[in-house]
Amino acid sequence: PVVGRARVYVCGITPYAVTHLGHAATYLWTDLTAR
C-alpha cells in the first residue's frame, strides 16, 4: 500500500560494457512495475 508516492530504486549499470539482455530484463521489469 502506498501513501503519497511510491519510492523505487533500481541498481543501475557499472558503465564499462555494452548493455546486454540480462541488464535489459531487470530494467524492463522495473519499467513495467512503474507503469
PDB file of all heavy atoms in Angstrom:
ATOM      1  N   PRO A   1       0.843  -1.199   0.000  1.00  0.00           N
ATOM      2  CA  PRO A   1       0.000   0.000   0.000  1.00  0.00           C
ATOM      3  C   PRO A   1       0.876   1.245   0.000  1.00  0.00           C
ATOM      4  O   PRO A   1       1.933   1.275   0.650  1.00  0.00           O
ATOM      5  CB  PRO A   1      -0.815  -0.124   1.291  1.00  0.00           C
ATOM      6  CG  PRO A   1      -0.014  -1.046   2.154  1.00  0.00           C
ATOM      7  CD  PRO A   1       0.732  -1.966   1.250  1.00  0.00           C
ATOM      8  N   VAL A   2       0.458   2.246  -0.750  1.00  0.00           N
ATOM      9  CA  VAL A   2       1.261   3.458  -0.909  1.00  0.00           C
ATOM     10  C   VAL A   2       0.477   4.660  -0.406  1.00  0.00           C
ATOM     11  O   VAL A   2      -0.687   4.852  -0.766  1.00  0.00           O
ATOM     12  CB  VAL A   2       1.654   3.670  -2.387  1.00  0.00           C
ATOM     13  CG1 VAL A   2       2.358   5.006  -2.560  1.00  0.00           C
ATOM     14  CG2 VAL A   2       2.542   2.531  -2.858  1.00  0.00           C
ATOM     15  N   VAL A   3       1.117   5.446   0.431  1.00  0.00           N
ATOM     16  CA  VAL A   3       0.568   6.731   0.860  1.00  0.00           C
ATOM     17  C   VAL A   3       1.400   7.814   0.194  1.00  0.00           C
ATOM     18  O   VAL A   3       2.608   7.914   0.429  1.00  0.00           O
ATOM     19  CB  VAL A   3       0.614   6.884   2.391  1.00  0.00           C
ATOM     20  CG1 VAL A   3       0.103   8.259   2.807  1.00  0.00           C
ATOM     21  CG2 VAL A   3      -0.190   5.772   3.064  1.00  0.00           C
ATOM     22  N   GLY A   4       0.785   8.595  -0.665  1.00  0.00           N
ATOM     23  CA  GLY A   4       1.546   9.597  -1.406  1.00  0.00           C
ATOM     24  C   GLY A   4       2.183   8.973  -2.629  1.00  0.00           C
ATOM     25  O   GLY A   4       1.490   8.497  -3.523  1.00  0.00           O
ATOM     26  N   ARG A   5       3.513   8.923  -2.660  1.00  0.00           N
ATOM     27  CA  ARG A   5       4.208   8.407  -3.832  1.00  0.00           C
ATOM     28  C   ARG A   5       4.892   7.090  -3.507  1.00  0.00           C
ATOM     29  O   ARG A   5       5.219   6.816  -2.349  1.00  0.00           O
ATOM     30  CB  ARG A   5       5.240   9.417  -4.320  1.00  0.00           C
ATOM     31  CG  ARG A   5       6.489   9.515  -3.452  1.00  0.00           C
ATOM     32  CD  ARG A   5       7.279  10.770  -3.746  1.00  0.00           C
ATOM     33  NE  ARG A   5       8.615  10.779  -3.148  1.00  0.00           N
ATOM     34  CZ  ARG A   5       8.895  10.981  -1.879  1.00  0.00           C
ATOM     35  NH1 ARG A   5       7.900  11.202  -1.035  1.00  0.00           N
ATOM     36  NH2 ARG A   5      10.143  10.992  -1.453  1.00  0.00           N
ATOM     37  N   ALA A   6       5.125   6.294  -4.556  1.00  0.00           N
ATOM     38  CA  ALA A   6       5.900   5.071  -4.427  1.00  0.00           C
ATOM     39  C   ALA A   6       7.354   5.387  -4.755  1.00  0.00           C
ATOM     40  O   ALA A   6       7.672   5.847  -5.849  1.00  0.00           O
ATOM     41  CB  ALA A   6       5.364   4.004  -5.384  1.00  0.00           C
ATOM     42  N   ARG A   7       8.232   5.139  -3.806  1.00  0.00           N
ATOM     43  CA  ARG A   7       9.666   5.423  -3.970  1.00  0.00           C
ATOM     44  C   ARG A   7      10.360   4.134  -4.403  1.00  0.00           C
ATOM     45  O   ARG A   7      10.385   3.157  -3.652  1.00  0.00           O
ATOM     46  CB  ARG A   7      10.253   5.947  -2.669  1.00  0.00           C
ATOM     47  CG  ARG A   7       9.580   7.215  -2.122  1.00  0.00           C
ATOM     48  CD  ARG A   7       9.751   7.327  -0.622  1.00  0.00           C
ATOM     49  NE  ARG A   7       9.184   6.166   0.059  1.00  0.00           N
ATOM     50  CZ  ARG A   7       9.433   5.844   1.327  1.00  0.00           C
ATOM     51  NH1 ARG A   7      10.254   6.585   2.045  1.00  0.00           N
ATOM     52  NH2 ARG A   7       8.873   4.784   1.877  1.00  0.00           N
ATOM     53  N   VAL A   8      10.913   4.160  -5.607  1.00  0.00           N
ATOM     54  CA  VAL A   8      11.500   2.955  -6.205  1.00  0.00           C
ATOM     55  C   VAL A   8      12.956   3.223  -6.547  1.00  0.00           C
ATOM     56  O   VAL A   8      13.288   4.252  -7.151  1.00  0.00           O
ATOM     57  CB  VAL A   8      10.740   2.543  -7.478  1.00  0.00           C
ATOM     58  CG1 VAL A   8      11.327   1.264  -8.070  1.00  0.00           C
ATOM     59  CG2 VAL A   8       9.253   2.365  -7.191  1.00  0.00           C
ATOM     60  N   TYR A   9      13.820   2.268  -6.183  1.00  0.00           N
ATOM     61  CA  TYR A   9      15.236   2.360  -6.516  1.00  0.00           C
ATOM     62  C   TYR A   9      15.645   1.081  -7.220  1.00  0.00           C
ATOM     63  O   TYR A   9      15.326  -0.025  -6.761  1.00  0.00           O
ATOM     64  CB  TYR A   9      16.066   2.519  -5.240  1.00  0.00           C
ATOM     65  CG  TYR A   9      17.572   2.626  -5.455  1.00  0.00           C
ATOM     66  CD1 TYR A   9      18.183   3.859  -5.655  1.00  0.00           C
ATOM     67  CD2 TYR A   9      18.372   1.487  -5.435  1.00  0.00           C
ATOM     68  CE1 TYR A   9      19.559   3.950  -5.832  1.00  0.00           C
ATOM     69  CE2 TYR A   9      19.748   1.571  -5.604  1.00  0.00           C
ATOM     70  CZ  TYR A   9      20.339   2.809  -5.809  1.00  0.00           C
ATOM     71  OH  TYR A   9      21.694   2.895  -5.989  1.00  0.00           O
ATOM     72  N   VAL A  10      16.341   1.213  -8.356  1.00  0.00           N
ATOM     73  CA  VAL A  10      16.852   0.051  -9.066  1.00  0.00           C
ATOM     74  C   VAL A  10      18.352   0.200  -9.240  1.00  0.00           C
ATOM     75  O   VAL A  10      18.855   1.274  -9.564  1.00  0.00           O
ATOM     76  CB  VAL A  10      16.155  -0.146 -10.428  1.00  0.00           C
ATOM     77  CG1 VAL A  10      16.299   1.079 -11.328  1.00  0.00           C
ATOM     78  CG2 VAL A  10      16.689  -1.388 -11.147  1.00  0.00           C
ATOM     79  N   CYS A  11      19.082  -0.898  -8.984  1.00  0.00           N
ATOM     80  CA  CYS A  11      20.530  -0.887  -9.184  1.00  0.00           C
ATOM     81  C   CYS A  11      20.827  -0.727 -10.671  1.00  0.00           C
ATOM     82  O   CYS A  11      20.385  -1.538 -11.493  1.00  0.00           O
ATOM     83  CB  CYS A  11      21.143  -2.184  -8.667  1.00  0.00           C
ATOM     84  SG  CYS A  11      21.251  -2.279  -6.874  1.00  0.00           S
ATOM     85  N   GLY A  12      21.573   0.320 -10.988  1.00  0.00           N
ATOM     86  CA  GLY A  12      21.885   0.604 -12.382  1.00  0.00           C
ATOM     87  C   GLY A  12      23.163  -0.072 -12.832  1.00  0.00           C
ATOM     88  O   GLY A  12      23.707  -0.953 -12.159  1.00  0.00           O
ATOM     89  N   ILE A  13      23.657   0.368 -13.972  1.00  0.00           N
ATOM     90  CA  ILE A  13      24.809  -0.274 -14.584  1.00  0.00           C
ATOM     91  C   ILE A  13      26.123   0.215 -13.980  1.00  0.00           C
ATOM     92  O   ILE A  13      26.201   1.289 -13.397  1.00  0.00           O
ATOM     93  CB  ILE A  13      24.846  -0.029 -16.104  1.00  0.00           C
ATOM     94  CG1 ILE A  13      24.913   1.485 -16.412  1.00  0.00           C
ATOM     95  CG2 ILE A  13      23.682  -0.682 -16.782  1.00  0.00           C
ATOM     96  CD1 ILE A  13      25.359   1.809 -17.816  1.00  0.00           C
ATOM     97  N   THR A  14      27.141  -0.626 -14.125  1.00  0.00           N
ATOM     98  CA  THR A  14      28.526  -0.189 -13.986  1.00  0.00           C
ATOM     99  C   THR A  14      28.993   0.124 -15.400  1.00  0.00           C
ATOM    100  O   THR A  14      29.071  -0.787 -16.230  1.00  0.00           O
ATOM    101  CB  THR A  14      29.394  -1.297 -13.363  1.00  0.00           C
ATOM    102  OG1 THR A  14      28.845  -1.648 -12.095  1.00  0.00           O
ATOM    103  CG2 THR A  14      30.830  -0.827 -13.190  1.00  0.00           C
ATOM    104  N   PRO A  15      29.247   1.380 -15.731  1.00  0.00           N
ATOM    105  CA  PRO A  15      29.364   1.785 -17.137  1.00  0.00           C
ATOM    106  C   PRO A  15      30.724   1.501 -17.764  1.00  0.00           C
ATOM    107  O   PRO A  15      31.523   2.398 -18.022  1.00  0.00           O
ATOM    108  CB  PRO A  15      29.080   3.288 -17.079  1.00  0.00           C
ATOM    109  CG  PRO A  15      29.565   3.705 -15.733  1.00  0.00           C
ATOM    110  CD  PRO A  15      29.307   2.529 -14.827  1.00  0.00           C
ATOM    111  N   TYR A  16      30.951   0.206 -18.022  1.00  0.00           N
ATOM    112  CA  TYR A  16      32.192  -0.146 -18.721  1.00  0.00           C
ATOM    113  C   TYR A  16      31.954  -1.190 -19.807  1.00  0.00           C
ATOM    114  O   TYR A  16      32.887  -1.614 -20.478  1.00  0.00           O
ATOM    115  CB  TYR A  16      33.246  -0.656 -17.737  1.00  0.00           C
ATOM    116  CG  TYR A  16      32.978  -2.024 -17.151  1.00  0.00           C
ATOM    117  CD1 TYR A  16      33.555  -3.160 -17.701  1.00  0.00           C
ATOM    118  CD2 TYR A  16      32.162  -2.178 -16.040  1.00  0.00           C
ATOM    119  CE1 TYR A  16      33.314  -4.419 -17.177  1.00  0.00           C
ATOM    120  CE2 TYR A  16      31.929  -3.419 -15.497  1.00  0.00           C
ATOM    121  CZ  TYR A  16      32.503  -4.541 -16.065  1.00  0.00           C
ATOM    122  OH  TYR A  16      32.250  -5.778 -15.533  1.00  0.00           O
ATOM    123  N   ALA A  17      30.689  -1.611 -20.026  1.00  0.00           N
ATOM    124  CA  ALA A  17      30.388  -2.624 -21.035  1.00  0.00           C
ATOM    125  C   ALA A  17      29.030  -2.317 -21.666  1.00  0.00           C
ATOM    126  O   ALA A  17      28.178  -1.664 -21.069  1.00  0.00           O
ATOM    127  CB  ALA A  17      30.384  -4.016 -20.413  1.00  0.00           C
ATOM    128  N   VAL A  18      28.842  -2.834 -22.883  1.00  0.00           N
ATOM    129  CA  VAL A  18      27.609  -2.603 -23.630  1.00  0.00           C
ATOM    130  C   VAL A  18      26.449  -3.343 -22.957  1.00  0.00           C
ATOM    131  O   VAL A  18      26.622  -4.426 -22.392  1.00  0.00           O
ATOM    132  CB  VAL A  18      27.779  -3.077 -25.087  1.00  0.00           C
ATOM    133  CG1 VAL A  18      26.501  -2.873 -25.887  1.00  0.00           C
ATOM    134  CG2 VAL A  18      28.942  -2.330 -25.747  1.00  0.00           C
ATOM    135  N   THR A  19      25.247  -2.771 -23.026  1.00  0.00           N
ATOM    136  CA  THR A  19      24.063  -3.320 -22.368  1.00  0.00           C
ATOM    137  C   THR A  19      23.631  -4.634 -23.015  1.00  0.00           C
ATOM    138  O   THR A  19      23.422  -4.699 -24.227  1.00  0.00           O
ATOM    139  CB  THR A  19      22.907  -2.310 -22.441  1.00  0.00           C
ATOM    140  OG1 THR A  19      23.337  -1.070 -21.884  1.00  0.00           O
ATOM    141  CG2 THR A  19      21.702  -2.819 -21.681  1.00  0.00           C
ATOM    142  N   HIS A  20      23.465  -5.673 -22.191  1.00  0.00           N
ATOM    143  CA  HIS A  20      23.010  -6.956 -22.728  1.00  0.00           C
ATOM    144  C   HIS A  20      21.606  -7.277 -22.220  1.00  0.00           C
ATOM    145  O   HIS A  20      21.013  -6.532 -21.431  1.00  0.00           O
ATOM    146  CB  HIS A  20      24.012  -8.072 -22.399  1.00  0.00           C
ATOM    147  CG  HIS A  20      24.224  -8.337 -20.939  1.00  0.00           C
ATOM    148  ND1 HIS A  20      23.283  -8.945 -20.145  1.00  0.00           N
ATOM    149  CD2 HIS A  20      25.291  -8.098 -20.130  1.00  0.00           C
ATOM    150  CE1 HIS A  20      23.744  -9.074 -18.916  1.00  0.00           C
ATOM    151  NE2 HIS A  20      24.957  -8.558 -18.864  1.00  0.00           N
ATOM    152  N   LEU A  21      21.069  -8.404 -22.699  1.00  0.00           N
ATOM    153  CA  LEU A  21      19.678  -8.748 -22.425  1.00  0.00           C
ATOM    154  C   LEU A  21      19.414  -8.959 -20.943  1.00  0.00           C
ATOM    155  O   LEU A  21      18.317  -8.664 -20.457  1.00  0.00           O
ATOM    156  CB  LEU A  21      19.297 -10.006 -23.222  1.00  0.00           C
ATOM    157  CG  LEU A  21      17.819 -10.382 -23.238  1.00  0.00           C
ATOM    158  CD1 LEU A  21      16.992  -9.282 -23.899  1.00  0.00           C
ATOM    159  CD2 LEU A  21      17.620 -11.702 -23.984  1.00  0.00           C
ATOM    160  N   GLY A  22      20.411  -9.469 -20.213  1.00  0.00           N
ATOM    161  CA  GLY A  22      20.223  -9.640 -18.778  1.00  0.00           C
ATOM    162  C   GLY A  22      19.994  -8.320 -18.075  1.00  0.00           C
ATOM    163  O   GLY A  22      19.131  -8.208 -17.195  1.00  0.00           O
ATOM    164  N   HIS A  23      20.780  -7.291 -18.461  1.00  0.00           N
ATOM    165  CA  HIS A  23      20.531  -5.950 -17.916  1.00  0.00           C
ATOM    166  C   HIS A  23      19.123  -5.483 -18.287  1.00  0.00           C
ATOM    167  O   HIS A  23      18.362  -4.993 -17.441  1.00  0.00           O
ATOM    168  CB  HIS A  23      21.514  -4.928 -18.511  1.00  0.00           C
ATOM    169  CG  HIS A  23      22.942  -5.158 -18.171  1.00  0.00           C
ATOM    170  ND1 HIS A  23      23.961  -4.956 -19.072  1.00  0.00           N
ATOM    171  CD2 HIS A  23      23.542  -5.566 -17.031  1.00  0.00           C
ATOM    172  CE1 HIS A  23      25.124  -5.219 -18.508  1.00  0.00           C
ATOM    173  NE2 HIS A  23      24.900  -5.593 -17.260  1.00  0.00           N
ATOM    174  N   ALA A  24      18.803  -5.612 -19.583  1.00  0.00           N
ATOM    175  CA  ALA A  24      17.537  -5.080 -20.090  1.00  0.00           C
ATOM    176  C   ALA A  24      16.347  -5.685 -19.362  1.00  0.00           C
ATOM    177  O   ALA A  24      15.364  -4.984 -19.079  1.00  0.00           O
ATOM    178  CB  ALA A  24      17.428  -5.331 -21.592  1.00  0.00           C
ATOM    179  N   ALA A  25      16.404  -6.991 -19.056  1.00  0.00           N
ATOM    180  CA  ALA A  25      15.276  -7.638 -18.396  1.00  0.00           C
ATOM    181  C   ALA A  25      14.973  -6.979 -17.050  1.00  0.00           C
ATOM    182  O   ALA A  25      13.809  -6.739 -16.708  1.00  0.00           O
ATOM    183  CB  ALA A  25      15.558  -9.127 -18.219  1.00  0.00           C
ATOM    184  N   THR A  26      16.014  -6.673 -16.279  1.00  0.00           N
ATOM    185  CA  THR A  26      15.802  -6.004 -14.991  1.00  0.00           C
ATOM    186  C   THR A  26      15.140  -4.655 -15.174  1.00  0.00           C
ATOM    187  O   THR A  26      14.186  -4.303 -14.453  1.00  0.00           O
ATOM    188  CB  THR A  26      17.146  -5.841 -14.257  1.00  0.00           C
ATOM    189  OG1 THR A  26      17.645  -7.120 -13.889  1.00  0.00           O
ATOM    190  CG2 THR A  26      16.983  -4.988 -12.999  1.00  0.00           C
ATOM    191  N   TYR A  27      15.602  -3.875 -16.143  1.00  0.00           N
ATOM    192  CA  TYR A  27      15.049  -2.535 -16.320  1.00  0.00           C
ATOM    193  C   TYR A  27      13.666  -2.576 -16.960  1.00  0.00           C
ATOM    194  O   TYR A  27      12.840  -1.684 -16.708  1.00  0.00           O
ATOM    195  CB  TYR A  27      16.027  -1.672 -17.119  1.00  0.00           C
ATOM    196  CG  TYR A  27      17.373  -1.631 -16.446  1.00  0.00           C
ATOM    197  CD1 TYR A  27      18.534  -1.995 -17.104  1.00  0.00           C
ATOM    198  CD2 TYR A  27      17.470  -1.292 -15.093  1.00  0.00           C
ATOM    199  CE1 TYR A  27      19.758  -2.010 -16.457  1.00  0.00           C
ATOM    200  CE2 TYR A  27      18.691  -1.311 -14.437  1.00  0.00           C
ATOM    201  CZ  TYR A  27      19.831  -1.670 -15.119  1.00  0.00           C
ATOM    202  OH  TYR A  27      21.037  -1.700 -14.470  1.00  0.00           O
ATOM    203  N   LEU A  28      13.374  -3.616 -17.742  1.00  0.00           N
ATOM    204  CA  LEU A  28      12.031  -3.771 -18.284  1.00  0.00           C
ATOM    205  C   LEU A  28      11.031  -4.106 -17.182  1.00  0.00           C
ATOM    206  O   LEU A  28       9.911  -3.580 -17.176  1.00  0.00           O
ATOM    207  CB  LEU A  28      12.017  -4.848 -19.368  1.00  0.00           C
ATOM    208  CG  LEU A  28      12.597  -4.416 -20.712  1.00  0.00           C
ATOM    209  CD1 LEU A  28      12.841  -5.622 -21.614  1.00  0.00           C
ATOM    210  CD2 LEU A  28      11.677  -3.415 -21.408  1.00  0.00           C
ATOM    211  N   TRP A  29      11.420  -4.970 -16.238  1.00  0.00           N
ATOM    212  CA  TRP A  29      10.514  -5.266 -15.124  1.00  0.00           C
ATOM    213  C   TRP A  29      10.328  -4.048 -14.219  1.00  0.00           C
ATOM    214  O   TRP A  29       9.229  -3.814 -13.689  1.00  0.00           O
ATOM    215  CB  TRP A  29      11.021  -6.458 -14.316  1.00  0.00           C
ATOM    216  CG  TRP A  29      10.723  -7.775 -14.975  1.00  0.00           C
ATOM    217  CD1 TRP A  29      11.599  -8.642 -15.554  1.00  0.00           C
ATOM    218  CD2 TRP A  29       9.413  -8.369 -15.124  1.00  0.00           C
ATOM    219  NE1 TRP A  29      10.927  -9.727 -16.063  1.00  0.00           N
ATOM    220  CE2 TRP A  29       9.595  -9.591 -15.805  1.00  0.00           C
ATOM    221  CE3 TRP A  29       8.132  -7.992 -14.747  1.00  0.00           C
ATOM    222  CZ2 TRP A  29       8.519 -10.441 -16.119  1.00  0.00           C
ATOM    223  CZ3 TRP A  29       7.062  -8.827 -15.055  1.00  0.00           C
ATOM    224  CH2 TRP A  29       7.262 -10.036 -15.729  1.00  0.00           C
ATOM    225  N   THR A  30      11.373  -3.262 -14.054  1.00  0.00           N
ATOM    226  CA  THR A  30      11.235  -2.015 -13.299  1.00  0.00           C
ATOM    227  C   THR A  30      10.261  -1.080 -14.002  1.00  0.00           C
ATOM    228  O   THR A  30       9.374  -0.476 -13.366  1.00  0.00           O
ATOM    229  CB  THR A  30      12.605  -1.325 -13.166  1.00  0.00           C
ATOM    230  OG1 THR A  30      13.553  -2.230 -12.610  1.00  0.00           O
ATOM    231  CG2 THR A  30      12.509  -0.089 -12.275  1.00  0.00           C
ATOM    232  N   ASP A  31      10.418  -0.958 -15.307  1.00  0.00           N
ATOM    233  CA  ASP A  31       9.553  -0.096 -16.103  1.00  0.00           C
ATOM    234  C   ASP A  31       8.105  -0.563 -16.021  1.00  0.00           C
ATOM    235  O   ASP A  31       7.180   0.247 -15.853  1.00  0.00           O
ATOM    236  CB  ASP A  31      10.039  -0.112 -17.559  1.00  0.00           C
ATOM    237  CG  ASP A  31       9.292   0.868 -18.446  1.00  0.00           C
ATOM    238  OD1 ASP A  31       9.364   2.090 -18.185  1.00  0.00           O
ATOM    239  OD2 ASP A  31       8.632   0.419 -19.403  1.00  0.00           O
ATOM    240  N   LEU A  32       7.890  -1.873 -16.117  1.00  0.00           N
ATOM    241  CA  LEU A  32       6.524  -2.390 -16.036  1.00  0.00           C
ATOM    242  C   LEU A  32       5.914  -2.108 -14.672  1.00  0.00           C
ATOM    243  O   LEU A  32       4.748  -1.702 -14.575  1.00  0.00           O
ATOM    244  CB  LEU A  32       6.502  -3.894 -16.316  1.00  0.00           C
ATOM    245  CG  LEU A  32       5.117  -4.533 -16.170  1.00  0.00           C
ATOM    246  CD1 LEU A  32       4.132  -3.941 -17.177  1.00  0.00           C
ATOM    247  CD2 LEU A  32       5.191  -6.051 -16.305  1.00  0.00           C
ATOM    248  N   THR A  33       6.677  -2.309 -13.611  1.00  0.00           N
ATOM    249  CA  THR A  33       6.153  -2.051 -12.266  1.00  0.00           C
ATOM    250  C   THR A  33       5.701  -0.604 -12.131  1.00  0.00           C
ATOM    251  O   THR A  33       4.614  -0.320 -11.597  1.00  0.00           O
ATOM    252  CB  THR A  33       7.232  -2.361 -11.212  1.00  0.00           C
ATOM    253  OG1 THR A  33       7.693  -3.706 -11.376  1.00  0.00           O
ATOM    254  CG2 THR A  33       6.680  -2.180  -9.806  1.00  0.00           C
ATOM    255  N   ALA A  34       6.515   0.324 -12.632  1.00  0.00           N
ATOM    256  CA  ALA A  34       6.143   1.738 -12.576  1.00  0.00           C
ATOM    257  C   ALA A  34       4.894   2.002 -13.408  1.00  0.00           C
ATOM    258  O   ALA A  34       3.996   2.760 -12.990  1.00  0.00           O
ATOM    259  CB  ALA A  34       7.306   2.598 -13.060  1.00  0.00           C
ATOM    260  N   ARG A  35       4.797   1.378 -14.581  1.00  0.00           N
ATOM    261  CA  ARG A  35       3.623   1.578 -15.443  1.00  0.00           C
ATOM    262  C   ARG A  35       2.357   1.031 -14.791  1.00  0.00           C
ATOM    263  O   ARG A  35       1.283   1.648 -14.882  1.00  0.00           O
ATOM    264  CB  ARG A  35       3.851   0.905 -16.796  1.00  0.00           C
ATOM    265  CG  ARG A  35       4.874   1.611 -17.703  1.00  0.00           C
ATOM    266  CD  ARG A  35       5.218   0.736 -18.910  1.00  0.00           C
ATOM    267  NE  ARG A  35       6.160   1.367 -19.808  1.00  0.00           N
ATOM    268  CZ  ARG A  35       5.837   2.061 -20.895  1.00  0.00           C
ATOM    269  NH1 ARG A  35       4.564   2.221 -21.213  1.00  0.00           N
ATOM    270  NH2 ARG A  35       6.759   2.603 -21.663  1.00  0.00           N
TER     271      ARG A  35
END
